[in-house]
C-alpha atoms as a PDB file:
ATOM      1  CA  MET A   1      55.230  67.253 117.387  1.00  0.00           C
ATOM      2  CA  ILE A   2      52.159  67.287 119.409  1.00  0.00           C
ATOM      3  CA  ASP A   3      51.748  68.617 122.371  1.00  0.00           C
ATOM      4  CA  TRP A   4      49.351  66.407 124.142  1.00  0.00           C
ATOM      5  CA  GLY A   5      48.838  68.009 127.385  1.00  0.00           C
ATOM      6  CA  ARG A   6      47.729  71.352 125.677  1.00  0.00           C
ATOM      7  CA  VAL A   7      45.563  68.837 124.108  1.00  0.00           C
ATOM      8  CA  LYS A   8      43.882  67.639 127.302  1.00  0.00           C
ATOM      9  CA  ASP A   9      44.364  71.239 128.873  1.00  0.00           C
ATOM     10  CA  LEU A  10      41.780  72.864 126.332  1.00  0.00           C
ATOM     11  CA  ARG A  11      39.299  70.225 126.120  1.00  0.00           C
ATOM     12  CA  SER A  12      38.994  69.784 129.368  1.00  0.00           C
ATOM     13  CA  GLU A  13      38.670  73.656 129.176  1.00  0.00           C
ATOM     14  CA  ILE A  14      35.677  73.896 126.442  1.00  0.00           C
ATOM     15  CA  GLY A  15      34.235  70.571 126.720  1.00  0.00           C
ATOM     16  CA  ALA A  16      34.310  67.646 124.219  1.00  0.00           C
ATOM     17  CA  GLU A  17      31.172  68.851 122.405  1.00  0.00           C
ATOM     18  CA  ASP A  18      32.754  71.747 121.546  1.00  0.00           C
ATOM     19  CA  PHE A  19      36.498  70.369 121.927  1.00  0.00           C
ATOM     20  CA  SER A  20      35.571  68.401 118.532  1.00  0.00           C
ATOM     21  CA  ASP A  21      34.050  71.534 116.504  1.00  0.00           C
ATOM     22  CA  VAL A  22      37.239  74.037 117.313  1.00  0.00           C
ATOM     23  CA  VAL A  23      39.396  70.793 116.036  1.00  0.00           C
ATOM     24  CA  ALA A  24      37.189  70.448 113.156  1.00  0.00           C
ATOM     25  CA  LEU A  25      37.243  74.375 112.737  1.00  0.00           C
ATOM     26  CA  PHE A  26      40.604  74.376 113.129  1.00  0.00           C
ATOM     27  CA  LEU A  27      41.815  71.936 110.476  1.00  0.00           C
ATOM     28  CA  GLU A  28      39.144  72.959 108.035  1.00  0.00           C
ATOM     29  CA  GLU A  29      40.754  76.191 108.158  1.00  0.00           C
ATOM     30  CA  ALA A  30      44.961  74.917 108.151  1.00  0.00           C
ATOM     31  CA  ASP A  31      43.962  72.485 105.051  1.00  0.00           C
ATOM     32  CA  GLU A  32      42.397  75.718 103.363  1.00  0.00           C
ATOM     33  CA  VAL A  33      45.712  77.765 104.433  1.00  0.00           C
ATOM     34  CA  ILE A  34      47.940  74.424 103.349  1.00  0.00           C
ATOM     35  CA  ALA A  35      46.393  74.803 100.047  1.00  0.00           C
ATOM     36  CA  ARG A  36      47.067  77.816  99.181  1.00  0.00           C
ATOM     37  CA  ILE A  37      50.139  78.695 100.805  1.00  0.00           C
ATOM     38  CA  SER A  38      52.972  80.244  98.273  1.00  0.00           C
ATOM     39  CA  ALA A  39      55.490  82.383  97.848  1.00  0.00           C
ATOM     40  CA  SER A  40      53.700  84.102  95.370  1.00  0.00           C
ATOM     41  CA  ALA A  41      51.519  85.804  97.600  1.00  0.00           C
ATOM     42  CA  GLY A  42      54.430  87.915  98.841  1.00  0.00           C
ATOM     43  CA  ALA A  43      55.813  88.470 102.066  1.00  0.00           C
ATOM     44  CA  LYS A  44      52.901  90.321 103.779  1.00  0.00           C
ATOM     45  CA  GLY A  45      50.610  87.338 102.238  1.00  0.00           C
ATOM     46  CA  LEU A  46      53.004  84.668 103.739  1.00  0.00           C
ATOM     47  CA  GLU A  47      53.374  86.294 107.214  1.00  0.00           C
ATOM     48  CA  SER A  48      49.904  86.451 107.543  1.00  0.00           C
ATOM     49  CA  ASP A  49      49.084  82.412 106.656  1.00  0.00           C
ATOM     50  CA  LEU A  50      51.690  81.869 108.918  1.00  0.00           C
ATOM     51  CA  HIS A  51      50.669  84.095 111.358  1.00  0.00           C
ATOM     52  CA  PHE A  52      47.513  82.145 111.497  1.00  0.00           C
ATOM     53  CA  LEU A  53      48.636  78.808 111.170  1.00  0.00           C
ATOM     54  CA  LYS A  54      51.173  79.633 114.022  1.00  0.00           C
ATOM     55  CA  GLY A  55      48.759  80.401 116.327  1.00  0.00           C
ATOM     56  CA  ALA A  56      46.195  77.924 115.372  1.00  0.00           C
ATOM     57  CA  ALA A  57      48.745  75.304 115.409  1.00  0.00           C
ATOM     58  CA  LEU A  58      49.846  76.745 119.439  1.00  0.00           C
ATOM     59  CA  ASN A  59      46.072  76.752 120.478  1.00  0.00           C
ATOM     60  CA  LEU A  60      45.627  72.886 119.540  1.00  0.00           C
ATOM     61  CA  GLY A  61      49.350  71.379 120.320  1.00  0.00           C
ATOM     62  CA  PHE A  62      50.464  71.511 117.394  1.00  0.00           C
ATOM     63  CA  ASP A  63      53.966  72.275 118.707  1.00  0.00           C
ATOM     64  CA  ALA A  64      56.349  71.542 116.032  1.00  0.00           C
ATOM     65  CA  LEU A  65      53.897  73.139 113.382  1.00  0.00           C
ATOM     66  CA  ALA A  66      54.252  76.200 115.406  1.00  0.00           C
ATOM     67  CA  THR A  67      57.883  75.924 115.517  1.00  0.00           C
ATOM     68  CA  VAL A  68      58.051  76.026 111.819  1.00  0.00           C
ATOM     69  CA  CYS A  69      55.497  78.808 111.112  1.00  0.00           C
ATOM     70  CA  GLN A  70      57.185  81.061 113.805  1.00  0.00           C
ATOM     71  CA  ASP A  71      60.822  80.665 111.922  1.00  0.00           C
ATOM     72  CA  GLY A  72      58.442  81.127 108.670  1.00  0.00           C
ATOM     73  CA  GLU A  73      56.733  84.130 109.440  1.00  0.00           C
ATOM     74  CA  ARG A  74      60.219  85.924 110.754  1.00  0.00           C
ATOM     75  CA  ARG A  75      61.203  85.433 107.582  1.00  0.00           C
ATOM     76  CA  ALA A  76      58.465  86.088 106.050  1.00  0.00           C
ATOM     77  CA  ALA A  77      58.058  89.687 107.883  1.00  0.00           C
ATOM     78  CA  ALA A  78      62.034  90.838 107.181  1.00  0.00           C
ATOM     79  CA  GLY A  79      60.784  90.072 103.477  1.00  0.00           C
ATOM     80  CA  ASP A  80      62.314  87.073 102.623  1.00  0.00           C
ATOM     81  CA  VAL A  81      59.943  84.830 100.819  1.00  0.00           C
ATOM     82  CA  ALA A  82      62.194  81.845 100.058  1.00  0.00           C
ATOM     83  CA  ILE A  83      60.591  80.089 102.758  1.00  0.00           C
ATOM     84  CA  ASP A  84      60.089  75.849 102.783  1.00  0.00           C
ATOM     85  CA  LEU A  85      56.896  75.431 102.770  1.00  0.00           C
ATOM     86  CA  ASP A  86      57.151  72.349 101.509  1.00  0.00           C
ATOM     87  CA  ARG A  87      58.469  71.529 105.351  1.00  0.00           C
ATOM     88  CA  VAL A  88      55.844  73.690 106.300  1.00  0.00           C
ATOM     89  CA  ARG A  89      52.941  71.032 104.453  1.00  0.00           C
ATOM     90  CA  GLN A  90      54.909  67.828 106.019  1.00  0.00           C
ATOM     91  CA  VAL A  91      55.128  69.294 109.506  1.00  0.00           C
ATOM     92  CA  TYR A  92      51.206  69.517 108.845  1.00  0.00           C
ATOM     93  CA  THR A  93      50.256  66.502 107.484  1.00  0.00           C
ATOM     94  CA  GLU A  94      52.716  64.787 109.870  1.00  0.00           C
ATOM     95  CA  SER A  95      51.400  66.371 112.644  1.00  0.00           C
ATOM     96  CA  LYS A  96      47.582  66.058 111.732  1.00  0.00           C
ATOM     97  CA  ALA A  97      48.102  62.015 111.105  1.00  0.00           C
ATOM     98  CA  ARG A  98      49.743  61.856 114.778  1.00  0.00           C
ATOM     99  CA  PHE A  99      47.180  63.764 116.189  1.00  0.00           C
ATOM    100  CA  ASP A 100      44.469  61.830 114.304  1.00  0.00           C
ATOM    101  CA  ALA A 101      46.133  58.878 115.454  1.00  0.00           C
ATOM    102  CA  GLY A 102      46.688  59.630 119.135  1.00  0.00           C
ATOM    103  CA  LEU A 103      43.533  61.514 120.008  1.00  0.00           C
ATOM    104  CA  GLY A 104      41.338  59.026 121.677  1.00  0.00           C
ATOM    105  CA  GLN A 105      43.672  57.676 123.773  1.00  0.00           C
ATOM    106  CA  ALA A 106      45.167  61.436 124.699  1.00  0.00           C
ATOM    107  CA  CYS A 107      41.911  62.225 125.622  1.00  0.00           C
ATOM    108  CA  ALA A 108      40.981  59.071 127.295  1.00  0.00           C
ATOM    109  CA  ALA A 109      43.954  58.917 129.546  1.00  0.00           C
END
């Protein structure tokens, strides 16, 4: 669900302080998108939100979230708005919980 190797690499690349800032910004922005994401935004709006989430998730090692967002993004790009957004929200919530729970141990290793 979380690519801890990516997390460690990112932290190493940008330093601990900047890493904390990146994590906080990602979570803040992702929370906003997760709260507003809706099929009523239309295919283009949905595609854009899922694209954002996918990219941010890949950057921070949220692999499972990136996968569900990529699938949804492709479907939205084809005009399909019947995407399981509850699943996207669930994977985000689970990923965030695992990330929070494992971050200290992963970065200490």
